[in-house]
Amino acid sequence: MTIVKAPPAPADRREGEEGNPQGWQFNSSLGLVLLLLLLVVGQGPVRRALGAPVMQSWMTVFLAVVVQALPFLVLGVLLSAALAVFVPPSFFARALPKRPALAVPVAGVAGAILPGCECASVPVAGALVRRGVTPAAALAFLLSAPAINPIVLTATAVAFPRNPEMVVGRFAASLLVACAMGWLWQRLGRADWLRPPARASYEGDSKGAAFWGSVRHDVMHAGGFLVVGAMAAATLKAVAPASWLRTAAGNPVVAILALSVLAVLLSICSEADAFVAASLSQFSLTARLAFLVVGPMIDLKLFAMQAGTFGRAFALRFAPVTFVLAIVGALLVGAVLL
């Protein structure tokens, strides 16, 4: 008996059975052509819209904020990734005093040696807790590192060239709030409120892979939030009625609360937030200091990261208290320095 084998399925038939990639490519090309046609047809209205004075003002502010902040963002991301990958967390554990009350301010000051944004401080603080560092000290480090490191302070000095007291004020207020939160947690915090992280970021990867993974993560997150923050600042400057801004800026309490809430909502990287704050020139220096102190300590992305690292029960208690203390710290320091 002769067995006749069935002929192989045609190539186009096999491709259709596997998802029809040729059809997908055709649809994508067709969509691209239609998009180009729409741009060509609508180039007149688009050109007129971009040529409007409001859009010109918007683009000027947006580009100014992004161009000024981008070098500090890139440098901070590279240094942060290098320290997070090549400096072992045990180094920080050995460097801290054994007594928690003394470890808190030491950990707060140690935040100055981690040039990076708040995205980098959360996994490092988690590693400290996992390696046996008292949570109060790890939390002080978590809050201070994004606000008092050299990259952030240098960016603040560049953003406020005529107000060097803003650099001192940011350093003092941020360190004060970080230590206060550490001592408060030592006094009132409970072990069941904080869930120690189970594993380190990029654990098991090579040093090179971990470094570039950290760089990609921080660039995607910090760069995206920088663009959103620059867009929001440009919109506020170009679109919001001047009377509204004058009303908010003219009332000290409203101005501070408004910029504090704005810092939470915008979630700007700490390496770039000084340039956004500098663009809000109608607000007082104290209100802008509150923006710079609140943002690196509690915003939307930080709340999500803290909840994912230490648990939702921790974040729901830690975030509101941090927000209030950050405003109080900015007010106290602003009343003395600004």
Foldseek 3Di string as FASTA:
>chain_A
DDDDDDDDDDPQVVCVVVPRVVVVVVVVVVVVVVVVVVCVVCVVVVVVVCPDPLNVLLVVLLVVLCVLLVVLQLVLLLQLLCCLQVPDLVVLVVPADPDLLRRQLVLLVVLQNRRHWLVSLLLSLLNNVVVPHPNLNSQLSSQRNRFLHPLLLVSLCVLCVPCNLLSVLSNQLSNVLSSVLSVVCVVPNDPVLWARFDDHPPPPHDSVVSSVVSSVVSCVVQVVLSSQLSSVLSCCVRPPDPVVLLVQQVDQVSLLVVLLLVLQASLHTSSRLSNSLSSSVSHDSLSSSLNNSNNRRHHDVSLVSRCVRTNNSNSVPSRVVSSVSSNVSSVVSVVVRD
